Amino acid sequence: MKKIIPFVLCLALVATCGGVIATDSLPTEINGTGTVTISNVAPSLTSIAINDGAWINYIDVATEYDFYVNVTDTNAINDIKEITLEAWMVSHEADDDPTYRYKFTYTETTTGDGVLAGNWVQNFPTTENYLDVTTASTLPGDPALTTGSYMFSLTLNKTAKAGSWRYNATVTDESGAKSTIGYEAFGVYKYVEMTYDTGAGNDFAWTSSAGQNDVLATFDTTVTSNTVYTLAAAYEDSFYGDDPATTWWGSEPSLEIQTSSQSKVTVTNYTVSFADWTINALPVYDQTLTHNLYLDVPIGLPSATYTGVTIYIRASV
């Protein structure tokens, strides 16, 4: 009996071990789906520029310049939805006036193949068009890149006021995230132009008698300027012209001028420099002024036609 018991136990153990080794099973498969979420990153304005070079400190009115907005978006340029560009004179941020403020907005659209196809529109001023996008505007060439430049050409009105201006931009992506760059300062040069009309070309003609004063002729000057300007009037040479037969008469006809409501002043015969001109300061700009030009004829002049005087009108800033 003592020998039989271990034998039986052994058999039981072997049977148990053999059952584990002999067990067979198929692989188990579990199918699942996964998602990757790319977080939106707000775009950034890397720089703004005029003429895409070193910053221009001063610009001229009535002259075309290229205005650039350089942006970065780590979600790619095609994530950019809108760009706003603004140029304004200090203390005139809300004006709708080409003298003080310009604002433009670019809104993005894409074609079927993903090419950028947005447009710039002029928000302010609401009168006249100063935005040139038909012949001079550019967009980033590859919307899949993360950096790019938006540009259009702008010509300020002749009356855009001389002095200190500011220029900044804001960029907005598809999610509404925005970035604004600190403004850059630039200046606008002074500008003045003048047209002159006597009603008969550029010639004056008086009919007078000897001893008659304040013989009147009128003319208009249209002055367009972006700052306070001055007008100057003078004449050159002599009413006697080249006729030596009349030069011995000692008294020269004289001229006086009156501008708008200002006092009548004598127009001098200048010789060498413009310093001899009579200056009339005017505190406003972009206006048409009517002038009265008076001829005083001295007693004793014989009957004749006197020619030869050249009259000068000059506007300056």
Protein backbone atom coordinates (compact mmCIF):
# COMPACT_ATOMS: atom_id res chain seq x y z
CA MET A 1 0.00 0.00 0.00
CA LYS A 2 2.78 2.44 0.72
CA LYS A 3 4.09 2.18 -2.85
CA ILE A 4 0.80 2.48 -4.58
CA ILE A 5 -0.19 5.87 -3.18
CA PRO A 6 2.73 7.89 -4.65
CA PHE A 7 2.16 6.28 -8.00
CA VAL A 8 -1.41 7.30 -8.10
CA LEU A 9 -0.51 10.90 -7.15
CA CYS A 10 2.02 11.09 -9.86
CA LEU A 11 -0.41 10.03 -12.46
CA ALA A 12 -2.76 12.75 -11.34
CA LEU A 13 -0.10 15.38 -11.65
CA VAL A 14 0.89 14.26 -15.10
CA ALA A 15 -2.64 14.35 -16.29
CA THR A 16 -3.08 17.82 -15.00
CA CYS A 17 0.06 19.14 -16.66
CA GLY A 18 -0.76 17.52 -19.93
CA GLY A 19 -4.14 19.28 -20.04
CA VAL A 20 -2.54 22.79 -19.95
CA ILE A 21 -0.05 22.12 -22.71
CA ALA A 22 -2.55 20.61 -25.04
CA THR A 23 -5.02 23.50 -24.93
CA ASP A 24 -5.27 25.42 -28.35
CA SER A 25 -6.96 28.87 -28.98
CA LEU A 26 -7.39 31.34 -31.97
CA PRO A 27 -6.08 35.03 -31.92
CA THR A 28 -8.57 37.63 -30.80
CA GLU A 29 -8.88 40.89 -32.87
CA ILE A 30 -10.45 44.17 -31.71
CA ASN A 31 -11.10 46.95 -34.29
CA GLY A 32 -11.19 50.64 -33.21
CA THR A 33 -10.97 54.21 -34.62
CA GLY A 34 -8.71 57.07 -33.57
CA THR A 35 -8.86 60.87 -34.03
CA VAL A 36 -6.18 63.56 -34.15
CA THR A 37 -7.19 67.09 -33.16
CA ILE A 38 -4.99 69.94 -34.42
CA SER A 39 -5.37 72.96 -32.17
CA ASN A 40 -5.89 76.32 -33.87
CA VAL A 41 -3.03 78.76 -33.43
CA ALA A 42 -3.80 82.44 -33.78
CA PRO A 43 -2.13 84.10 -36.79
CA SER A 44 0.53 86.72 -36.27
CA LEU A 45 1.49 89.88 -38.10
CA THR A 46 5.23 89.75 -38.59
CA SER A 47 5.58 93.22 -40.13
CA ILE A 48 3.98 95.96 -42.18
CA ALA A 49 5.84 97.95 -44.80
CA ILE A 50 5.59 100.60 -47.49
CA ASN A 51 7.25 99.61 -50.78
CA ASP A 52 8.45 96.36 -49.16
CA GLY A 53 11.84 97.68 -48.12
CA ALA A 54 13.32 99.77 -45.37
CA TRP A 55 10.60 101.75 -43.66
CA ILE A 56 9.72 104.94 -45.53
CA ASN A 57 9.56 107.85 -43.14
CA TYR A 58 7.78 110.27 -45.49
CA ILE A 59 5.54 109.87 -48.50
CA ASP A 60 4.06 112.26 -51.06
CA VAL A 61 0.39 112.72 -51.80
CA ALA A 62 -0.77 112.06 -55.35
CA THR A 63 1.95 109.39 -55.60
CA GLU A 64 1.39 105.63 -55.68
CA TYR A 65 2.95 103.46 -52.96
CA ASP A 66 2.74 99.73 -52.22
CA PHE A 67 1.41 98.89 -48.75
CA TYR A 68 2.40 95.44 -47.41
CA VAL A 69 1.03 93.24 -44.63
CA ASN A 70 3.32 90.29 -43.86
CA VAL A 71 1.66 87.47 -41.89
CA THR A 72 2.44 84.08 -40.34
CA ASP A 73 -0.05 81.31 -39.53
CA THR A 74 1.19 77.89 -38.35
CA ASN A 75 -2.13 76.45 -39.57
CA ALA A 76 -1.14 77.64 -43.09
CA ILE A 77 -1.96 80.81 -44.97
CA ASN A 78 -5.26 79.41 -46.21
CA ASP A 79 -6.45 79.70 -42.60
CA ILE A 80 -6.38 83.51 -42.96
CA LYS A 81 -9.87 84.90 -43.42
CA GLU A 82 -9.54 88.69 -43.20
CA ILE A 83 -6.93 91.45 -43.11
CA THR A 84 -7.65 95.04 -42.19
CA LEU A 85 -5.21 97.82 -43.02
CA GLU A 86 -5.58 101.37 -41.81
CA ALA A 87 -3.70 104.66 -42.27
CA TRP A 88 -4.81 107.68 -40.30
CA MET A 89 -3.73 110.97 -38.86
CA VAL A 90 -3.48 111.19 -35.10
CA SER A 91 -6.79 112.18 -33.45
CA HIS A 92 -8.76 111.30 -36.60
CA GLU A 93 -9.23 107.53 -36.10
CA ALA A 94 -12.99 107.72 -36.77
CA ASP A 95 -13.09 110.21 -39.64
CA ASP A 96 -14.54 109.43 -43.04
CA ASP A 97 -12.40 111.94 -44.90
CA PRO A 98 -9.56 111.53 -47.43
CA THR A 99 -7.81 114.35 -45.63
CA TYR A 100 -7.29 112.26 -42.49
CA ARG A 101 -8.06 108.53 -42.78
CA TYR A 102 -7.98 105.46 -45.05
CA LYS A 103 -9.18 101.93 -44.20
CA PHE A 104 -9.19 98.78 -46.36
CA THR A 105 -10.26 95.18 -45.76
CA TYR A 106 -9.19 91.97 -47.50
CA THR A 107 -11.63 89.02 -47.28
CA GLU A 108 -10.42 85.60 -48.38
CA THR A 109 -12.16 83.28 -50.78
CA THR A 110 -10.61 80.29 -52.51
CA THR A 111 -11.19 78.66 -55.86
CA GLY A 112 -11.91 74.96 -56.28
CA ASP A 113 -8.22 74.13 -56.42
CA GLY A 114 -7.44 76.04 -53.22
CA VAL A 115 -5.89 79.10 -54.87
CA LEU A 116 -6.33 82.33 -52.90
CA ALA A 117 -8.86 84.54 -54.60
CA GLY A 118 -9.91 87.22 -52.10
CA ASN A 119 -10.38 90.92 -52.71
CA TRP A 120 -9.48 94.21 -51.07
CA VAL A 121 -12.30 96.70 -50.57
CA GLN A 122 -12.15 100.34 -49.51
CA ASN A 123 -14.03 100.99 -46.27
CA PHE A 124 -13.03 104.64 -45.79
CA PRO A 125 -13.22 107.17 -47.24
CA THR A 126 -16.61 106.38 -48.71
CA THR A 127 -16.18 108.93 -51.50
CA GLU A 128 -13.78 108.50 -54.42
CA ASN A 129 -11.55 105.50 -54.97
CA TYR A 130 -7.97 105.47 -53.71
CA LEU A 131 -7.35 101.73 -53.76
CA ASP A 132 -5.53 100.23 -56.74
CA VAL A 133 -5.96 96.46 -56.82
CA THR A 134 -6.54 96.00 -60.53
CA THR A 135 -3.00 96.68 -61.68
CA ALA A 136 -0.92 96.47 -58.51
CA SER A 137 -1.87 93.96 -55.82
CA THR A 138 -0.38 90.63 -54.76
CA LEU A 139 -1.39 87.68 -52.58
CA PRO A 140 0.71 84.85 -51.12
CA GLY A 141 1.61 82.47 -53.92
CA ASP A 142 1.19 79.19 -52.01
CA PRO A 143 -1.69 78.99 -49.50
CA ALA A 144 -0.15 75.86 -47.94
CA LEU A 145 2.86 77.83 -46.67
CA THR A 146 2.86 79.34 -43.20
CA THR A 147 4.08 82.82 -44.20
CA GLY A 148 3.03 85.25 -46.89
CA SER A 149 2.56 88.88 -47.94
CA TYR A 150 -0.56 90.77 -48.93
CA MET A 151 -0.08 94.01 -50.87
CA PHE A 152 -2.03 96.69 -52.66
CA SER A 153 -1.17 100.11 -54.04
CA LEU A 154 -2.52 103.30 -52.54
CA THR A 155 -2.40 106.92 -53.67
CA LEU A 156 -3.29 109.47 -51.02
CA ASN A 157 -5.53 112.37 -51.98
CA LYS A 158 -3.76 115.65 -52.68
CA THR A 159 -5.35 117.10 -49.55
CA ALA A 160 -4.21 114.28 -47.20
CA LYS A 161 -2.96 116.56 -44.49
CA ALA A 162 0.78 117.08 -44.09
CA GLY A 163 2.22 115.85 -40.81
CA SER A 164 2.39 112.67 -38.74
CA TRP A 165 0.35 109.61 -39.74
CA ARG A 166 0.05 106.04 -38.44
CA TYR A 167 -0.28 102.72 -40.24
CA ASN A 168 -1.29 99.39 -38.73
CA ALA A 169 -3.09 96.16 -39.60
CA THR A 170 -5.15 93.35 -38.08
CA VAL A 171 -5.31 89.74 -39.32
CA THR A 172 -8.14 87.31 -38.49
CA ASP A 173 -8.22 83.54 -39.15
CA GLU A 174 -11.14 81.16 -39.80
CA SER A 175 -11.75 80.63 -36.08
CA GLY A 176 -11.97 84.35 -35.39
CA ALA A 177 -8.58 84.54 -33.67
CA LYS A 178 -6.92 87.91 -34.28
CA SER A 179 -3.54 89.53 -34.19
CA THR A 180 -2.76 93.24 -34.43
CA ILE A 181 0.65 94.76 -34.93
CA GLY A 182 1.70 97.96 -33.23
CA TYR A 183 1.39 100.89 -35.59
CA GLU A 184 4.27 102.29 -37.60
CA ALA A 185 4.57 106.07 -37.91
CA PHE A 186 5.18 107.89 -41.17
CA GLY A 187 4.90 111.46 -42.35
CA VAL A 188 3.16 113.10 -45.30
CA TYR A 189 5.05 115.82 -47.15
CA LYS A 190 3.57 119.26 -47.79
CA TYR A 191 1.95 119.72 -51.18
CA VAL A 192 0.54 122.64 -53.14
CA GLU A 193 -0.64 123.16 -56.71
CA MET A 194 -2.28 126.11 -58.39
CA THR A 195 -4.19 126.87 -61.54
CA TYR A 196 -4.67 130.39 -62.80
CA ASP A 197 -7.43 131.81 -64.95
CA THR A 198 -8.19 135.39 -65.98
CA GLY A 199 -11.19 134.38 -68.04
CA ALA A 200 -9.20 135.17 -71.19
CA GLY A 201 -6.32 132.78 -71.06
CA ASN A 202 -3.41 134.15 -69.09
CA ASP A 203 -3.60 137.70 -70.37
CA PHE A 204 -4.83 140.86 -68.69
CA ALA A 205 -6.16 143.85 -70.60
CA TRP A 206 -7.18 147.19 -69.11
CA THR A 207 -8.80 150.10 -70.86
CA SER A 208 -8.27 153.30 -68.93
CA SER A 209 -7.80 157.05 -69.12
CA ALA A 210 -4.88 159.02 -67.80
CA GLY A 211 -5.35 159.79 -64.12
CA GLN A 212 -7.85 156.98 -63.55
CA ASN A 213 -7.37 154.68 -60.53
CA ASP A 214 -8.71 151.27 -59.53
CA VAL A 215 -9.28 150.05 -63.06
CA LEU A 216 -10.44 146.51 -62.31
CA ALA A 217 -9.58 143.11 -63.73
CA THR A 218 -10.39 139.82 -61.99
CA PHE A 219 -8.86 136.39 -62.06
CA ASP A 220 -9.16 133.09 -60.18
CA THR A 221 -6.53 130.92 -58.62
CA THR A 222 -7.50 127.42 -57.56
CA VAL A 223 -5.13 126.25 -54.88
CA THR A 224 -5.05 122.62 -53.77
CA SER A 225 -2.90 122.02 -50.73
CA ASN A 226 -2.58 119.80 -47.67
CA THR A 227 -1.30 122.53 -45.39
CA VAL A 228 -1.44 126.27 -44.82
CA TYR A 229 -0.01 128.05 -47.84
CA THR A 230 0.81 131.54 -48.99
CA LEU A 231 0.13 133.42 -52.19
CA ALA A 232 2.54 135.90 -53.69
CA ALA A 233 1.93 138.49 -56.41
CA ALA A 234 4.45 140.62 -58.27
CA TYR A 235 5.15 141.97 -61.72
CA GLU A 236 8.25 142.26 -63.86
CA ASP A 237 9.45 144.77 -66.41
CA SER A 238 7.48 147.84 -67.46
CA PHE A 239 4.11 148.70 -68.93
CA TYR A 240 6.04 150.76 -71.45
CA GLY A 241 7.28 147.62 -73.12
CA ASP A 242 9.91 148.07 -75.76
CA ASP A 243 8.61 151.34 -77.19
CA PRO A 244 11.29 153.97 -76.45
CA ALA A 245 8.91 156.77 -77.46
CA THR A 246 6.92 156.34 -74.26
CA THR A 247 9.69 155.66 -71.75
CA TRP A 248 10.37 159.35 -71.06
CA TRP A 249 7.01 159.75 -69.41
CA GLY A 250 8.09 159.54 -65.81
CA SER A 251 5.16 157.87 -64.08
CA GLU A 252 4.67 154.13 -64.29
CA PRO A 253 1.17 152.68 -64.01
CA SER A 254 0.95 150.78 -60.73
CA LEU A 255 -0.81 147.58 -59.68
CA GLU A 256 -2.66 146.64 -56.53
CA ILE A 257 -4.17 143.27 -55.65
CA GLN A 258 -6.93 142.18 -53.34
CA THR A 259 -7.45 138.55 -52.36
CA SER A 260 -10.87 137.51 -51.07
CA SER A 261 -11.73 139.69 -48.08
CA GLN A 262 -8.17 140.79 -47.41
CA SER A 263 -6.98 144.33 -47.74
CA LYS A 264 -5.78 145.71 -51.04
CA VAL A 265 -1.97 145.70 -51.25
CA THR A 266 0.53 147.05 -53.74
CA VAL A 267 2.09 144.60 -56.15
CA THR A 268 5.79 145.33 -56.41
CA ASN A 269 8.09 145.05 -59.38
CA TYR A 270 10.52 142.34 -58.36
CA THR A 271 14.03 142.33 -59.75
CA VAL A 272 16.27 139.53 -58.55
CA SER A 273 14.63 137.36 -55.92
CA PHE A 274 11.19 136.30 -54.89
CA ALA A 275 11.81 138.03 -51.57
CA ASP A 276 10.42 141.15 -53.19
CA TRP A 277 7.01 139.57 -53.59
CA THR A 278 4.08 140.64 -51.48
CA ILE A 279 2.93 137.60 -49.48
CA ASN A 280 -0.66 137.04 -48.45
CA ALA A 281 -1.00 134.22 -45.89
CA LEU A 282 -4.07 132.04 -46.19
CA PRO A 283 -5.10 129.73 -43.34
CA VAL A 284 -7.08 127.21 -45.37
CA TYR A 285 -6.47 124.79 -48.23
CA ASP A 286 -8.17 123.26 -51.28
CA GLN A 287 -10.06 126.29 -52.40
CA THR A 288 -10.75 128.57 -55.35
CA LEU A 289 -10.07 132.26 -54.71
CA THR A 290 -11.18 135.23 -56.75
CA HIS A 291 -8.71 138.10 -56.93
CA ASN A 292 -9.17 141.71 -57.94
CA LEU A 293 -6.24 143.31 -59.70
CA TYR A 294 -6.37 147.11 -59.83
CA LEU A 295 -4.47 149.35 -62.23
CA ASP A 296 -3.74 152.95 -61.26
CA VAL A 297 -2.87 155.16 -64.26
CA PRO A 298 -0.94 158.37 -63.57
CA ILE A 299 -1.91 161.74 -64.98
CA GLY A 300 0.02 162.78 -68.01
CA LEU A 301 0.38 159.54 -69.93
CA PRO A 302 -0.33 159.98 -73.63
CA SER A 303 -2.93 157.88 -75.34
CA ALA A 304 -1.30 154.58 -76.32
CA THR A 305 -1.37 150.88 -75.68
CA TYR A 306 1.17 149.95 -73.05
CA THR A 307 2.37 146.36 -72.96
CA GLY A 308 5.28 144.40 -71.64
CA VAL A 309 4.50 143.67 -68.00
CA THR A 310 4.59 140.03 -66.83
CA ILE A 311 2.45 139.34 -63.76
CA TYR A 312 3.43 136.50 -61.41
CA ILE A 313 1.20 134.65 -58.98
CA ARG A 314 2.89 132.05 -56.81
CA ALA A 315 1.54 129.62 -54.21
CA SER A 316 4.00 128.14 -51.72
CA VAL A 317 4.05 126.07 -48.54
